Amino acid sequence: MDCLIPGANMRVVNRTIQALSKISDELYIEGEIDNLSFVAMNMNKTAYAKYTFHSIFFVNYKIEDGSDEKITCKIHMKSLLNVFKNKIDRKVEMCRILFDKDATQILFKLKYKQDIMVVHNLKLIDFDYLTIDYNTEDAKNNITGTGVFFNQILSNFQTSDSSLSLEVNSNKITLRNYDVGVSTVYKGMRSQIVLTGNEFDSYSIGEETNIVLSLKPFRSAISFGEFFNIPIMLHFKNGGWPIILRMKNTTFNVDYILATVNPDDSESQSTTTSEVLDPVLRCVQNRNNAECVNLSMEVDSSEKDLTLADKEAMESVNWDDNDFDNDVTMSPPITKRNVEKEKMANIFGRCFDPTFHTSMLDFGEELAPNSDSD
């Protein structure tokens, strides 16, 4: 494979690498007869992104003659980020990518201004072929809008938000950073945006649904579309089915496949979350009570294992005859100040002794006289 990228298209490649680096630490490069693709998938296999560049995107694009199968290799994303650094598109006039089918390295030649040539040899790593078949024909819900518009929507959510909830019907769409059915919220701020269908370029809802998806890869795709002002199309069905985000240009296509969750089927998850709730937080929630009790000690697991004989034996004991006050010695709480005090006493213990005198210590031979007082 031999392809030559002009300097005018380097910013597209640079933005592509920056977007894919937020999804995975590894990058697949797939070369076919008429296009070159950059593919990434996260470790949990919940986010898949593919950037496909057509042959007209390059000045020269060539694949081995007689090669019907696509040429695939995988490299570390970190090594590629060192090649495509920030603002590289302003300095590079040409970029050439060379790769052979049985090679162990892939070659990147960057021609900078003033006829400076930089060559990067990146080692390949073992890989498994990624074969994901997807289509948008089964999607009953289709929404289209500009990248700038979607970016304005996401600007209302914080960068620390991990998920995004989409509730759609025939008239409007509601976006939230929380689940409606879950009462326990650890977030400091709840955000909700309601948009009508008329605000989008295209809005077609065939089935009312509510889905939850990961916000990080979704934000990465929206950021790419906003930078080049490309129309973004969302195709989805219902919770549990993936949502497909697609961007099309005359020279390249972008496809994102993100896993979704149906929040209506997460009752058991919300119950589990409430069961393992931090006792301190639950104490704050019950602050209206006269006394705040550590709820983690409400049920003693040892009482569940007591037999009838054990309970009778415990009831027969006269607990009033035992004087526990004389046996219990309360130790002072361990604080940082006490620890420092003990440490100082151990180091300078003899200095604090009232019978201590400097004549008791043997300092050896005096090598230098005492300095003047002034």
Protein backbone atom coordinates (compact mmCIF):
# COMPACT_ATOMS: atom_id res chain seq x y z
CA MET A 1 0.00 0.00 0.00
CA ASP A 2 1.27 3.41 -0.99
CA CYS A 3 -0.79 6.56 -0.41
CA LEU A 4 0.08 10.24 -0.56
CA ILE A 5 -1.91 12.77 1.49
CA PRO A 6 -1.75 16.46 0.50
CA GLY A 7 -1.13 19.11 3.12
CA ALA A 8 -4.64 20.54 2.71
CA ASN A 9 -6.14 17.25 3.96
CA MET A 10 -3.72 16.78 6.83
CA ARG A 11 -6.00 18.54 9.28
CA VAL A 12 -8.70 15.94 8.55
CA VAL A 13 -6.28 13.10 9.30
CA ASN A 14 -5.00 14.91 12.37
CA ARG A 15 -8.53 15.40 13.73
CA THR A 16 -9.28 11.76 12.97
CA ILE A 17 -6.37 10.50 15.04
CA GLN A 18 -7.26 12.84 17.91
CA ALA A 19 -10.89 11.63 17.90
CA LEU A 20 -9.99 7.92 17.77
CA SER A 21 -7.45 8.31 20.58
CA LYS A 22 -10.34 9.09 22.94
CA ILE A 23 -11.89 5.70 22.21
CA SER A 24 -9.04 3.21 22.17
CA ASP A 25 -5.31 2.85 22.75
CA GLU A 26 -4.95 0.85 19.52
CA LEU A 27 -5.65 1.72 15.89
CA TYR A 28 -6.50 -0.53 12.96
CA ILE A 29 -5.46 0.60 9.50
CA GLU A 30 -7.37 -1.15 6.71
CA GLY A 31 -6.46 -0.63 3.06
CA GLU A 32 -8.82 -1.68 0.29
CA ILE A 33 -8.78 -1.11 -3.46
CA ASP A 34 -10.64 2.20 -3.41
CA ASN A 35 -10.40 3.45 0.20
CA LEU A 36 -8.32 3.57 3.37
CA SER A 37 -9.92 3.19 6.81
CA PHE A 38 -8.87 4.04 10.36
CA VAL A 39 -10.78 1.90 12.88
CA ALA A 40 -10.85 1.89 16.69
CA MET A 41 -12.81 -0.06 19.30
CA ASN A 42 -12.71 0.41 23.05
CA MET A 43 -11.71 -2.33 25.47
CA ASN A 44 -15.30 -3.02 26.61
CA LYS A 45 -16.45 -3.31 22.98
CA THR A 46 -19.20 -0.75 23.54
CA ALA A 47 -17.89 1.89 21.12
CA TYR A 48 -16.73 1.37 17.53
CA ALA A 49 -15.55 4.11 15.17
CA LYS A 50 -14.50 3.92 11.53
CA TYR A 51 -13.13 6.75 9.37
CA THR A 52 -13.07 5.82 5.68
CA PHE A 53 -11.12 7.95 3.19
CA HIS A 54 -11.91 7.48 -0.50
CA SER A 55 -9.26 7.36 -3.19
CA ILE A 56 -10.01 10.96 -4.26
CA PHE A 57 -8.92 12.08 -0.78
CA PHE A 58 -5.31 11.23 -1.73
CA VAL A 59 -2.99 12.58 -4.38
CA ASN A 60 -1.87 9.02 -5.07
CA TYR A 61 -3.42 5.83 -3.71
CA LYS A 62 -2.17 2.44 -4.77
CA ILE A 63 -2.70 -1.14 -3.55
CA GLU A 64 -0.76 -4.20 -4.68
CA ASP A 65 -1.94 -5.51 -8.03
CA GLY A 66 -4.09 -8.62 -7.79
CA SER A 67 -4.82 -8.10 -4.09
CA ASP A 68 -8.55 -8.65 -3.57
CA GLU A 69 -8.35 -8.89 0.21
CA LYS A 70 -7.94 -5.78 2.32
CA ILE A 71 -4.58 -5.11 3.94
CA THR A 72 -4.89 -4.69 7.70
CA CYS A 73 -2.45 -3.78 10.45
CA LYS A 74 -2.65 -2.53 14.03
CA ILE A 75 -0.42 -0.05 15.83
CA HIS A 76 -0.32 1.63 19.22
CA MET A 77 -2.24 4.89 19.34
CA LYS A 78 0.40 6.55 21.49
CA SER A 79 3.10 6.08 18.87
CA LEU A 80 0.83 7.52 16.19
CA LEU A 81 0.00 10.55 18.33
CA ASN A 82 3.70 11.38 18.39
CA VAL A 83 3.59 11.56 14.59
CA PHE A 84 0.37 13.59 14.27
CA LYS A 85 0.96 16.24 16.86
CA ASN A 86 -1.11 19.36 17.37
CA LYS A 87 -1.05 21.91 14.54
CA ILE A 88 0.89 19.51 12.33
CA ASP A 89 -1.43 20.34 9.41
CA ARG A 90 0.02 23.87 9.30
CA LYS A 91 3.59 22.65 8.90
CA VAL A 92 3.36 19.53 6.69
CA GLU A 93 3.13 19.83 2.92
CA MET A 94 2.82 16.10 2.20
CA CYS A 95 2.43 12.82 4.07
CA ARG A 96 3.19 9.43 2.57
CA ILE A 97 2.14 6.09 4.11
CA LEU A 98 3.91 2.90 3.03
CA PHE A 99 2.96 -0.59 4.16
CA ASP A 100 3.48 -4.08 2.78
CA LYS A 101 1.26 -7.04 3.49
CA ASP A 102 3.88 -9.12 5.35
CA ALA A 103 5.82 -6.21 6.85
CA THR A 104 6.45 -5.71 10.56
CA GLN A 105 6.51 -1.91 10.36
CA ILE A 106 4.50 0.86 8.77
CA LEU A 107 6.27 3.91 7.36
CA PHE A 108 5.13 7.54 7.67
CA LYS A 109 7.08 10.13 5.67
CA LEU A 110 6.29 13.74 6.48
CA LYS A 111 7.55 16.51 4.24
CA TYR A 112 7.67 19.82 6.07
CA LYS A 113 8.27 23.27 4.71
CA GLN A 114 11.81 24.26 3.74
CA ASP A 115 12.20 20.72 2.26
CA ILE A 116 12.54 18.99 5.62
CA MET A 117 11.75 15.26 5.53
CA VAL A 118 10.93 13.28 8.69
CA VAL A 119 10.51 9.50 8.59
CA HIS A 120 8.67 7.51 11.30
CA ASN A 121 8.87 3.71 11.44
CA LEU A 122 6.09 2.38 13.68
CA LYS A 123 6.11 -1.22 14.81
CA LEU A 124 3.02 -3.34 14.26
CA ILE A 125 1.31 -5.42 16.93
CA ASP A 126 -0.70 -8.61 16.67
CA PHE A 127 -4.34 -8.11 15.80
CA ASP A 128 -7.66 -9.81 15.20
CA TYR A 129 -9.76 -8.91 12.20
CA LEU A 130 -12.67 -6.63 13.01
CA THR A 131 -15.75 -7.62 11.04
CA ILE A 132 -18.84 -5.68 12.05
CA ASP A 133 -21.91 -5.68 9.83
CA TYR A 134 -24.31 -2.83 10.42
CA ASN A 135 -27.00 -1.03 8.45
CA THR A 136 -29.48 1.74 9.07
CA GLU A 137 -32.45 0.14 7.34
CA ASP A 138 -33.77 -1.44 10.55
CA ALA A 139 -33.58 1.85 12.44
CA LYS A 140 -37.06 3.24 13.09
CA ASN A 141 -35.79 6.53 14.49
CA ASN A 142 -33.70 8.91 12.39
CA ILE A 143 -32.50 12.37 13.42
CA THR A 144 -30.28 14.70 11.38
CA GLY A 145 -28.65 17.95 12.42
CA THR A 146 -25.53 19.99 11.86
CA GLY A 147 -22.39 19.39 13.87
CA VAL A 148 -22.54 22.92 15.24
CA PHE A 149 -26.08 22.38 16.51
CA PHE A 150 -25.24 19.10 18.25
CA ASN A 151 -22.16 20.68 19.81
CA GLN A 152 -24.29 23.49 21.24
CA ILE A 153 -26.52 20.86 22.82
CA LEU A 154 -23.61 19.03 24.45
CA SER A 155 -22.13 22.27 25.73
CA ASN A 156 -24.94 22.30 28.32
CA PHE A 157 -23.56 19.12 29.90
CA GLN A 158 -20.46 18.87 32.03
CA THR A 159 -17.35 17.07 30.86
CA SER A 160 -17.52 14.85 33.94
CA ASP A 161 -20.88 13.38 32.85
CA SER A 162 -20.40 9.76 31.82
CA SER A 163 -23.73 8.93 30.19
CA LEU A 164 -26.47 10.62 28.20
CA SER A 165 -30.16 9.72 28.20
CA LEU A 166 -32.28 10.29 25.07
CA GLU A 167 -36.05 10.12 25.37
CA VAL A 168 -37.79 10.61 22.03
CA ASN A 169 -41.36 10.77 20.80
CA SER A 170 -43.04 12.05 17.67
CA ASN A 171 -42.86 15.71 18.72
CA LYS A 172 -39.80 16.25 20.91
CA ILE A 173 -36.58 14.82 22.26
CA THR A 174 -35.40 15.10 25.87
CA LEU A 175 -31.72 14.81 26.73
CA ARG A 176 -30.62 14.20 30.33
CA ASN A 177 -27.45 13.35 32.19
CA TYR A 178 -29.35 11.11 34.63
CA ASP A 179 -31.93 8.31 34.67
CA VAL A 180 -35.48 9.24 35.61
CA GLY A 181 -36.19 5.96 37.39
CA VAL A 182 -33.13 6.12 39.68
CA SER A 183 -33.71 8.19 42.81
CA THR A 184 -30.13 8.02 44.08
CA VAL A 185 -27.99 10.66 42.38
CA TYR A 186 -24.31 11.25 43.02
CA LYS A 187 -24.03 14.13 40.55
CA GLY A 188 -23.82 17.66 41.76
CA MET A 189 -25.91 19.00 38.89
CA ARG A 190 -28.81 17.55 36.90
CA SER A 191 -29.16 18.78 33.33
CA GLN A 192 -32.14 18.35 31.03
CA ILE A 193 -32.77 19.79 27.57
CA VAL A 194 -36.03 19.52 25.65
CA LEU A 195 -35.97 20.13 21.89
CA THR A 196 -38.78 20.00 19.37
CA GLY A 197 -38.48 18.12 16.11
CA ASN A 198 -38.60 21.34 14.09
CA GLU A 199 -35.19 22.39 15.42
CA PHE A 200 -33.45 19.55 13.54
CA ASP A 201 -32.83 19.32 9.82
CA SER A 202 -34.65 15.98 9.75
CA TYR A 203 -36.68 14.36 12.53
CA SER A 204 -38.44 11.03 12.01
CA ILE A 205 -39.53 8.93 14.99
CA GLY A 206 -41.23 5.61 14.28
CA GLU A 207 -41.12 4.24 17.83
CA GLU A 208 -41.11 6.15 21.09
CA THR A 209 -38.19 5.00 23.19
CA ASN A 210 -35.69 5.94 25.87
CA ILE A 211 -32.02 4.98 25.55
CA VAL A 212 -28.85 5.63 27.53
CA LEU A 213 -25.43 5.79 25.87
CA SER A 214 -21.85 6.65 26.80
CA LEU A 215 -21.16 10.35 26.44
CA LYS A 216 -17.39 10.27 25.87
CA PRO A 217 -17.33 8.64 22.37
CA PHE A 218 -20.50 10.51 21.43
CA ARG A 219 -18.88 13.82 22.32
CA SER A 220 -15.76 12.85 20.34
CA ALA A 221 -17.83 12.27 17.20
CA ILE A 222 -19.81 15.49 17.65
CA SER A 223 -16.60 17.47 18.11
CA PHE A 224 -15.27 16.16 14.80
CA GLY A 225 -18.49 17.02 12.97
CA GLU A 226 -18.61 20.48 14.52
CA PHE A 227 -15.04 21.30 13.45
CA PHE A 228 -15.81 20.58 9.76
CA ASN A 229 -19.51 21.53 10.00
CA ILE A 230 -20.70 18.17 8.63
CA PRO A 231 -24.33 17.00 8.94
CA ILE A 232 -24.65 14.29 11.58
CA MET A 233 -27.24 11.53 11.25
CA LEU A 234 -28.45 9.44 14.21
CA HIS A 235 -30.07 6.06 13.53
CA PHE A 236 -31.39 4.00 16.41
CA LYS A 237 -34.21 1.66 17.35
CA ASN A 238 -34.68 1.22 21.10
CA GLY A 239 -32.68 0.57 24.24
CA GLY A 240 -30.38 -2.41 23.93
CA TRP A 241 -29.85 -1.90 20.19
CA PRO A 242 -26.80 0.11 19.05
CA ILE A 243 -27.12 3.68 17.88
CA ILE A 244 -25.36 4.51 14.62
CA LEU A 245 -23.89 7.97 14.14
CA ARG A 246 -22.97 8.73 10.54
CA MET A 247 -21.24 11.63 8.78
CA LYS A 248 -20.77 11.83 5.01
CA ASN A 249 -18.49 13.98 2.91
CA THR A 250 -17.44 13.86 -0.72
CA THR A 251 -13.99 12.52 0.22
CA PHE A 252 -14.57 10.58 3.46
CA ASN A 253 -17.23 8.93 5.63
CA VAL A 254 -17.44 8.53 9.40
CA ASP A 255 -19.40 5.84 11.25
CA TYR A 256 -19.79 5.45 15.01
CA ILE A 257 -21.56 2.48 16.59
CA LEU A 258 -22.34 2.95 20.28
CA ALA A 259 -23.96 0.49 22.65
CA THR A 260 -27.15 1.60 24.41
CA VAL A 261 -29.05 0.56 27.52
CA ASN A 262 -32.78 0.56 28.14
CA PRO A 263 -33.28 2.40 31.47
CA ASP A 264 -36.74 0.83 31.88
CA ASP A 265 -35.06 -2.55 32.46
CA SER A 266 -32.60 -1.27 35.09
CA GLU A 267 -34.82 -1.61 38.20
CA SER A 268 -32.61 -4.32 39.62
CA GLN A 269 -29.53 -2.17 39.03
CA SER A 270 -31.06 0.76 40.90
CA THR A 271 -31.96 -1.54 43.80
CA THR A 272 -28.42 -2.83 43.96
CA THR A 273 -27.07 0.70 43.95
CA SER A 274 -29.28 1.68 46.87
CA GLU A 275 -28.18 -1.39 48.82
CA VAL A 276 -24.49 -0.51 48.64
CA LEU A 277 -25.05 3.19 49.24
CA ASP A 278 -22.40 4.84 51.35
CA PRO A 279 -23.59 5.04 54.98
CA VAL A 280 -22.31 8.60 55.24
CA LEU A 281 -24.40 9.70 52.26
CA ARG A 282 -27.46 7.90 53.61
CA CYS A 283 -26.93 9.65 56.91
CA VAL A 284 -26.98 13.00 55.12
CA GLN A 285 -30.17 12.04 53.31
CA ASN A 286 -31.83 11.18 56.65
CA ARG A 287 -30.63 14.37 58.37
CA ASN A 288 -34.23 15.24 59.37
CA ASN A 289 -34.17 12.45 61.94
CA ALA A 290 -33.37 13.28 65.54
CA GLU A 291 -30.45 10.88 65.57
CA CYS A 292 -28.27 9.88 62.63
CA VAL A 293 -27.39 6.19 62.75
CA ASN A 294 -24.81 4.37 60.67
CA LEU A 295 -27.13 2.24 58.56
CA SER A 296 -24.41 -0.24 57.72
CA MET A 297 -24.73 -1.55 61.31
CA GLU A 298 -28.51 -1.93 61.34
CA VAL A 299 -28.42 -5.64 60.64
CA ASP A 300 -25.73 -7.75 62.19
CA SER A 301 -24.92 -10.65 59.90
CA SER A 302 -23.94 -12.80 62.91
CA GLU A 303 -27.50 -12.73 64.27
CA LYS A 304 -28.78 -14.48 61.16
CA ASP A 305 -26.65 -17.54 61.93
CA LEU A 306 -27.74 -17.95 65.59
CA THR A 307 -29.56 -21.15 66.47
CA LEU A 308 -32.39 -21.47 68.99
CA ALA A 309 -30.02 -22.90 71.62
CA ASP A 310 -27.66 -19.97 71.21
CA LYS A 311 -30.44 -17.47 71.71
CA GLU A 312 -31.65 -19.27 74.88
CA ALA A 313 -28.11 -19.29 76.27
CA MET A 314 -27.73 -15.57 75.63
CA GLU A 315 -31.05 -14.82 77.32
CA SER A 316 -30.10 -16.85 80.41
CA VAL A 317 -27.00 -14.76 81.10
CA ASN A 318 -27.37 -12.02 83.71
CA TRP A 319 -25.67 -9.15 81.98
CA ASP A 320 -26.18 -6.80 84.94
CA ASP A 321 -23.72 -8.76 87.11
CA ASN A 322 -20.83 -7.99 84.80
CA ASP A 323 -19.06 -4.71 85.43
CA PHE A 324 -17.78 -3.74 82.02
CA ASP A 325 -16.88 -0.22 83.03
CA ASN A 326 -13.86 -1.37 85.03
CA ASP A 327 -12.54 -3.61 82.29
CA VAL A 328 -12.71 -1.20 79.43
CA THR A 329 -9.85 1.24 78.95
CA MET A 330 -10.60 4.08 76.62
CA SER A 331 -7.58 5.05 74.57
CA PRO A 332 -7.33 8.57 73.22
CA PRO A 333 -8.15 8.96 69.56
CA ILE A 334 -5.22 8.72 67.20
CA THR A 335 -4.73 12.05 65.51
CA LYS A 336 -1.99 13.54 63.41
CA ARG A 337 -0.96 15.79 66.29
CA ASN A 338 -0.50 12.82 68.67
CA VAL A 339 1.61 10.94 66.14
CA GLU A 340 3.90 13.94 65.60
CA LYS A 341 4.18 14.44 69.36
CA GLU A 342 5.26 10.82 69.91
CA LYS A 343 7.75 11.05 67.08
CA MET A 344 9.31 14.19 68.53
CA ALA A 345 9.49 12.61 71.99
CA ASN A 346 11.34 9.57 70.60
CA ILE A 347 13.89 11.67 68.71
CA PHE A 348 14.54 14.35 71.33
CA GLY A 349 13.66 12.26 74.38
CA ARG A 350 16.92 12.89 76.23
CA CYS A 351 16.76 16.60 75.60
CA PHE A 352 13.44 16.80 77.46
CA ASP A 353 14.87 14.91 80.45
CA PRO A 354 15.13 17.38 83.42
CA THR A 355 18.51 15.83 84.47
CA PHE A 356 20.00 16.19 81.00
CA HIS A 357 23.16 18.29 80.56
CA THR A 358 25.34 18.83 77.48
CA SER A 359 28.38 17.60 79.37
CA MET A 360 26.82 14.12 79.40
CA LEU A 361 27.31 13.80 75.65
CA ASP A 362 30.63 13.02 74.00
CA PHE A 363 30.77 14.99 70.75
CA GLY A 364 34.35 13.90 69.97
CA GLU A 365 37.08 16.20 68.70
CA GLU A 366 36.01 19.78 68.00
CA LEU A 367 37.05 20.53 64.44
CA ALA A 368 35.99 24.18 64.26
CA PRO A 369 35.48 26.88 66.91
CA ASN A 370 32.07 28.29 67.63
CA SER A 371 31.01 31.16 65.39
CA ASP A 372 30.79 34.67 66.75
CA SER A 373 27.54 35.68 68.34
CA ASP A 374 27.16 38.66 66.02
